[in-house]
């Protein structure tokens, strides 16, 4: 996702949302928090990852056992007072949960 840059004509990156085949379920990263009930994955202020429910990979035409949705956002650390850590984690978790939920519904593999 890119957004217009007020300082130039070149758009700036806001975040990346990647859906990919994966041989392993989303393992938890250090200092991350779980996504919440009904979701397998984790969230940090600038990253989050969710594994789609069982059966999604096959319904999406993948031969891999898992499909993961990964979010990568610019680091909040160097931007003082932009958002606090808890808010950034909630935002990351919300984006990846929504993407995972929408994909699971689309392919009929929602839990």
N, C-alpha and C. Protein backbone atom coordinates (compact mmCIF):
# COMPACT_ATOMS: atom_id res chain seq x y z
N UNK A 1 0.85 -1.15 0.00
CA UNK A 1 0.00 0.00 0.00
C UNK A 1 0.90 1.22 0.00
N UNK A 2 0.60 2.17 -0.87
CA UNK A 2 1.37 3.40 -0.91
C UNK A 2 0.44 4.59 -0.77
N UNK A 3 0.97 5.65 -0.26
CA UNK A 3 0.20 6.88 -0.03
C UNK A 3 0.94 8.04 -0.68
N UNK A 4 0.19 9.04 -1.14
CA UNK A 4 0.81 10.22 -1.73
C UNK A 4 1.74 10.87 -0.72
N UNK A 5 2.85 11.38 -1.22
CA UNK A 5 3.85 12.03 -0.39
C UNK A 5 3.72 13.53 -0.57
N UNK A 6 3.52 14.26 0.50
CA UNK A 6 3.34 15.71 0.40
C UNK A 6 4.62 16.44 -0.01
N UNK A 7 5.78 15.79 0.20
CA UNK A 7 7.07 16.42 -0.10
C UNK A 7 7.59 16.17 -1.52
N UNK A 8 6.99 15.20 -2.23
CA UNK A 8 7.46 14.90 -3.58
C UNK A 8 6.36 14.19 -4.36
N UNK A 9 6.65 13.89 -5.64
CA UNK A 9 5.70 13.19 -6.49
C UNK A 9 5.78 11.67 -6.32
N UNK A 10 6.78 11.21 -5.58
CA UNK A 10 6.98 9.77 -5.39
C UNK A 10 6.16 9.31 -4.19
N UNK A 11 5.26 8.33 -4.39
CA UNK A 11 4.46 7.86 -3.25
C UNK A 11 5.35 7.18 -2.20
N UNK A 12 4.94 7.29 -0.94
CA UNK A 12 5.69 6.65 0.13
C UNK A 12 4.99 5.36 0.54
N UNK A 13 5.77 4.39 0.95
CA UNK A 13 5.21 3.12 1.40
C UNK A 13 4.55 3.27 2.75
N UNK A 14 3.38 2.68 2.90
CA UNK A 14 2.67 2.73 4.17
C UNK A 14 2.77 1.38 4.85
N UNK A 15 2.45 0.30 4.14
CA UNK A 15 2.60 -1.05 4.67
C UNK A 15 2.54 -2.06 3.54
N UNK A 16 2.95 -3.29 3.86
CA UNK A 16 2.85 -4.40 2.92
C UNK A 16 1.97 -5.46 3.56
N UNK A 17 1.08 -6.01 2.78
CA UNK A 17 0.24 -7.11 3.22
C UNK A 17 0.51 -8.24 2.24
N UNK A 18 1.04 -9.34 2.76
CA UNK A 18 1.47 -10.45 1.90
C UNK A 18 0.70 -11.71 2.27
N UNK A 19 0.11 -12.35 1.26
CA UNK A 19 -0.56 -13.63 1.44
C UNK A 19 0.29 -14.65 0.71
N UNK A 20 0.72 -15.70 1.44
CA UNK A 20 1.63 -16.66 0.81
C UNK A 20 1.44 -18.07 1.34
N UNK A 21 1.84 -19.03 0.49
CA UNK A 21 1.91 -20.43 0.91
C UNK A 21 2.99 -20.54 1.97
N UNK A 22 2.79 -21.44 2.91
CA UNK A 22 3.79 -21.61 3.95
C UNK A 22 3.82 -23.05 4.40
N UNK A 23 4.99 -23.55 4.65
CA UNK A 23 5.15 -24.93 5.13
C UNK A 23 4.94 -25.05 6.63
N UNK A 24 4.93 -23.91 7.33
CA UNK A 24 4.79 -23.92 8.79
C UNK A 24 3.76 -22.89 9.22
N UNK A 25 3.05 -23.20 10.31
CA UNK A 25 2.10 -22.24 10.87
C UNK A 25 2.87 -21.07 11.47
N UNK A 26 2.19 -19.98 11.66
CA UNK A 26 2.82 -18.78 12.21
C UNK A 26 3.33 -19.04 13.63
N UNK A 27 4.64 -19.04 13.80
CA UNK A 27 5.23 -19.17 15.12
C UNK A 27 5.28 -17.81 15.78
N UNK A 28 5.24 -17.79 17.07
CA UNK A 28 5.20 -16.51 17.78
C UNK A 28 6.58 -15.86 17.83
N UNK A 29 6.63 -14.57 17.58
CA UNK A 29 7.88 -13.80 17.67
C UNK A 29 8.07 -13.28 19.09
N UNK A 30 9.31 -13.02 19.42
CA UNK A 30 9.65 -12.50 20.73
C UNK A 30 8.91 -11.18 20.99
N UNK A 31 8.36 -11.03 22.18
CA UNK A 31 7.64 -9.83 22.63
C UNK A 31 6.33 -9.57 21.89
N UNK A 32 5.86 -10.54 21.10
CA UNK A 32 4.60 -10.35 20.38
C UNK A 32 3.42 -10.73 21.27
N UNK A 33 2.25 -10.34 20.84
CA UNK A 33 1.02 -10.71 21.53
C UNK A 33 0.17 -11.56 20.59
N UNK A 34 -0.63 -12.48 21.14
CA UNK A 34 -1.51 -13.28 20.28
C UNK A 34 -2.56 -12.41 19.60
N UNK A 35 -3.08 -12.88 18.48
CA UNK A 35 -4.09 -12.11 17.73
C UNK A 35 -5.44 -12.11 18.42
N UNK A 36 -5.71 -13.08 19.24
CA UNK A 36 -6.98 -13.15 19.94
C UNK A 36 -7.72 -14.44 19.64
N UNK A 37 -8.84 -14.65 20.32
CA UNK A 37 -9.60 -15.89 20.15
C UNK A 37 -9.99 -16.13 18.70
N UNK A 38 -9.82 -17.36 18.26
CA UNK A 38 -10.20 -17.74 16.90
C UNK A 38 -9.14 -17.50 15.85
N UNK A 39 -7.99 -16.94 16.24
CA UNK A 39 -6.92 -16.65 15.28
C UNK A 39 -5.62 -17.28 15.74
N UNK A 40 -4.87 -17.81 14.79
CA UNK A 40 -3.54 -18.33 15.06
C UNK A 40 -2.56 -17.33 14.49
N UNK A 41 -1.76 -16.72 15.35
CA UNK A 41 -0.80 -15.74 14.90
C UNK A 41 -0.40 -14.80 16.01
N UNK A 42 0.28 -13.73 15.64
CA UNK A 42 0.87 -12.80 16.60
C UNK A 42 0.89 -11.39 16.03
N UNK A 43 1.14 -10.42 16.90
CA UNK A 43 1.24 -9.03 16.46
C UNK A 43 2.31 -8.30 17.25
N UNK A 44 3.02 -7.43 16.57
CA UNK A 44 3.97 -6.47 17.11
C UNK A 44 3.57 -5.10 16.57
N UNK A 45 4.16 -4.01 17.04
CA UNK A 45 3.77 -2.70 16.53
C UNK A 45 3.94 -2.54 15.01
N UNK A 46 4.96 -3.16 14.43
CA UNK A 46 5.23 -2.97 13.01
C UNK A 46 5.13 -4.24 12.18
N UNK A 47 4.67 -5.33 12.79
CA UNK A 47 4.51 -6.60 12.07
C UNK A 47 3.36 -7.39 12.70
N UNK A 48 2.74 -8.24 11.89
CA UNK A 48 1.74 -9.18 12.38
C UNK A 48 1.65 -10.32 11.39
N UNK A 49 1.23 -11.48 11.88
CA UNK A 49 1.09 -12.63 11.00
C UNK A 49 -0.04 -13.51 11.50
N UNK A 50 -0.86 -14.00 10.57
CA UNK A 50 -1.95 -14.90 10.89
C UNK A 50 -1.88 -16.10 9.96
N UNK A 51 -2.23 -17.26 10.49
CA UNK A 51 -2.35 -18.47 9.67
C UNK A 51 -3.83 -18.71 9.43
N UNK A 52 -4.21 -18.90 8.18
CA UNK A 52 -5.61 -19.13 7.85
C UNK A 52 -6.05 -20.48 8.40
N UNK A 53 -7.36 -20.66 8.63
CA UNK A 53 -7.87 -21.92 9.18
C UNK A 53 -7.52 -23.13 8.30
N UNK A 54 -7.54 -24.29 8.93
CA UNK A 54 -7.27 -25.55 8.21
C UNK A 54 -8.21 -25.67 7.02
N UNK A 55 -7.70 -26.15 5.93
CA UNK A 55 -8.49 -26.33 4.72
C UNK A 55 -8.42 -25.16 3.76
N UNK A 56 -8.01 -24.01 4.22
CA UNK A 56 -7.94 -22.84 3.33
C UNK A 56 -6.90 -23.04 2.23
N UNK A 57 -5.77 -23.60 2.57
CA UNK A 57 -4.70 -23.76 1.58
C UNK A 57 -5.20 -24.56 0.38
N UNK A 58 -5.84 -25.69 0.64
CA UNK A 58 -6.34 -26.53 -0.46
C UNK A 58 -7.42 -25.80 -1.25
N UNK A 59 -8.32 -25.11 -0.57
CA UNK A 59 -9.38 -24.38 -1.26
C UNK A 59 -8.84 -23.24 -2.12
N UNK A 60 -7.66 -22.74 -1.73
CA UNK A 60 -7.04 -21.65 -2.49
C UNK A 60 -6.12 -22.19 -3.59
N UNK A 61 -6.06 -23.52 -3.75
CA UNK A 61 -5.26 -24.12 -4.80
C UNK A 61 -3.80 -24.33 -4.44
N UNK A 62 -3.48 -24.29 -3.18
CA UNK A 62 -2.09 -24.45 -2.74
C UNK A 62 -1.81 -25.90 -2.36
N UNK A 63 -0.58 -26.31 -2.60
CA UNK A 63 -0.15 -27.62 -2.13
C UNK A 63 0.57 -27.52 -0.79
N UNK A 64 0.80 -26.31 -0.33
CA UNK A 64 1.40 -26.10 0.99
C UNK A 64 0.34 -26.37 2.06
N UNK A 65 0.75 -26.76 3.25
CA UNK A 65 -0.24 -27.03 4.30
C UNK A 65 -0.87 -25.78 4.92
N UNK A 66 -0.24 -24.63 4.77
CA UNK A 66 -0.74 -23.41 5.40
C UNK A 66 -0.70 -22.23 4.43
N UNK A 67 -1.57 -21.28 4.71
CA UNK A 67 -1.54 -19.97 4.05
C UNK A 67 -1.39 -18.95 5.18
N UNK A 68 -0.43 -18.05 5.04
CA UNK A 68 -0.26 -17.01 6.05
C UNK A 68 -0.50 -15.64 5.45
N UNK A 69 -1.00 -14.76 6.29
CA UNK A 69 -1.19 -13.36 5.95
C UNK A 69 -0.21 -12.59 6.83
N UNK A 70 0.71 -11.86 6.20
CA UNK A 70 1.73 -11.12 6.96
C UNK A 70 1.59 -9.63 6.68
N UNK A 71 1.75 -8.85 7.74
CA UNK A 71 1.72 -7.39 7.64
C UNK A 71 3.08 -6.87 8.05
N UNK A 72 3.59 -5.95 7.26
CA UNK A 72 4.84 -5.27 7.60
C UNK A 72 4.58 -3.78 7.42
N UNK A 73 4.73 -3.02 8.50
CA UNK A 73 4.48 -1.58 8.48
C UNK A 73 5.77 -0.86 8.85
N UNK A 74 5.90 0.39 8.45
CA UNK A 74 7.09 1.14 8.85
C UNK A 74 7.21 1.18 10.38
N UNK A 75 8.41 1.12 10.86
CA UNK A 75 8.65 1.13 12.29
C UNK A 75 8.14 2.42 12.92
N UNK A 76 7.47 2.29 14.05
CA UNK A 76 6.96 3.43 14.78
C UNK A 76 8.04 4.01 15.70
N UNK A 77 9.13 3.28 15.91
CA UNK A 77 10.14 3.65 16.90
C UNK A 77 10.77 5.01 16.62
N UNK A 78 11.06 5.27 15.35
CA UNK A 78 11.74 6.54 15.07
C UNK A 78 10.79 7.72 14.93
N UNK A 79 9.50 7.47 14.98
CA UNK A 79 8.51 8.54 14.87
C UNK A 79 7.91 8.81 16.25
N UNK A 80 8.52 9.68 16.98
CA UNK A 80 8.09 10.00 18.34
C UNK A 80 6.66 10.52 18.36
N UNK A 81 5.92 10.09 19.34
CA UNK A 81 4.55 10.54 19.58
C UNK A 81 3.58 10.24 18.44
N UNK A 82 3.94 9.36 17.51
CA UNK A 82 3.01 9.02 16.44
C UNK A 82 1.86 8.19 17.02
N UNK A 83 2.17 7.05 17.56
CA UNK A 83 1.22 6.23 18.31
C UNK A 83 1.99 5.45 19.36
N UNK A 84 1.32 5.12 20.44
CA UNK A 84 2.00 4.33 21.47
C UNK A 84 2.05 2.86 21.05
N UNK A 85 2.88 2.09 21.73
CA UNK A 85 3.10 0.67 21.38
C UNK A 85 1.79 -0.12 21.37
N UNK A 86 0.95 0.05 22.39
CA UNK A 86 -0.29 -0.72 22.47
C UNK A 86 -1.23 -0.41 21.31
N UNK A 87 -1.32 0.85 20.94
CA UNK A 87 -2.16 1.24 19.81
C UNK A 87 -1.61 0.67 18.51
N UNK A 88 -0.30 0.72 18.34
CA UNK A 88 0.31 0.18 17.12
C UNK A 88 0.08 -1.33 17.03
N UNK A 89 0.18 -2.04 18.16
CA UNK A 89 -0.08 -3.49 18.16
C UNK A 89 -1.53 -3.75 17.80
N UNK A 90 -2.46 -3.01 18.40
CA UNK A 90 -3.88 -3.20 18.08
C UNK A 90 -4.14 -2.94 16.60
N UNK A 91 -3.53 -1.90 16.05
CA UNK A 91 -3.71 -1.59 14.63
C UNK A 91 -3.18 -2.72 13.74
N UNK A 92 -1.98 -3.21 14.04
CA UNK A 92 -1.39 -4.30 13.26
C UNK A 92 -2.25 -5.56 13.34
N UNK A 93 -2.69 -5.89 14.54
CA UNK A 93 -3.52 -7.08 14.73
C UNK A 93 -4.85 -6.94 13.98
N UNK A 94 -5.44 -5.77 14.01
CA UNK A 94 -6.72 -5.54 13.34
C UNK A 94 -6.60 -5.74 11.83
N UNK A 95 -5.56 -5.20 11.24
CA UNK A 95 -5.38 -5.32 9.78
C UNK A 95 -5.20 -6.77 9.38
N UNK A 96 -4.34 -7.51 10.08
CA UNK A 96 -4.07 -8.89 9.68
C UNK A 96 -5.27 -9.80 9.99
N UNK A 97 -5.99 -9.54 11.09
CA UNK A 97 -7.19 -10.34 11.39
C UNK A 97 -8.26 -10.11 10.32
N UNK A 98 -8.45 -8.85 9.93
CA UNK A 98 -9.46 -8.54 8.91
C UNK A 98 -9.11 -9.20 7.58
N UNK A 99 -7.85 -9.14 7.18
CA UNK A 99 -7.43 -9.77 5.92
C UNK A 99 -7.64 -11.28 5.99
N UNK A 100 -7.24 -11.90 7.10
CA UNK A 100 -7.40 -13.36 7.25
C UNK A 100 -8.87 -13.74 7.24
N UNK A 101 -9.71 -12.99 7.93
CA UNK A 101 -11.14 -13.26 7.98
C UNK A 101 -11.77 -13.15 6.60
N UNK A 102 -11.44 -12.10 5.87
CA UNK A 102 -12.00 -11.90 4.53
C UNK A 102 -11.58 -13.01 3.57
N UNK A 103 -10.32 -13.43 3.64
CA UNK A 103 -9.87 -14.53 2.77
C UNK A 103 -10.56 -15.84 3.14
N UNK A 104 -10.68 -16.12 4.42
CA UNK A 104 -11.33 -17.35 4.86
C UNK A 104 -12.80 -17.38 4.41
N UNK A 105 -13.48 -16.26 4.51
CA UNK A 105 -14.88 -16.18 4.04
C UNK A 105 -14.95 -16.37 2.54
N UNK A 106 -14.06 -15.71 1.82
CA UNK A 106 -14.07 -15.79 0.35
C UNK A 106 -13.90 -17.22 -0.13
N UNK A 107 -13.04 -17.98 0.54
CA UNK A 107 -12.74 -19.34 0.10
C UNK A 107 -13.54 -20.38 0.88
N UNK A 108 -14.47 -19.95 1.70
CA UNK A 108 -15.37 -20.89 2.39
C UNK A 108 -14.68 -21.76 3.42
N UNK A 109 -13.69 -21.23 4.08
CA UNK A 109 -12.97 -22.04 5.08
C UNK A 109 -12.90 -21.32 6.43
N UNK A 110 -13.86 -20.43 6.67
CA UNK A 110 -13.90 -19.71 7.96
C UNK A 110 -14.22 -20.66 9.08
N UNK A 111 -13.67 -20.35 10.26
CA UNK A 111 -13.93 -21.22 11.41
C UNK A 111 -15.26 -20.91 12.04
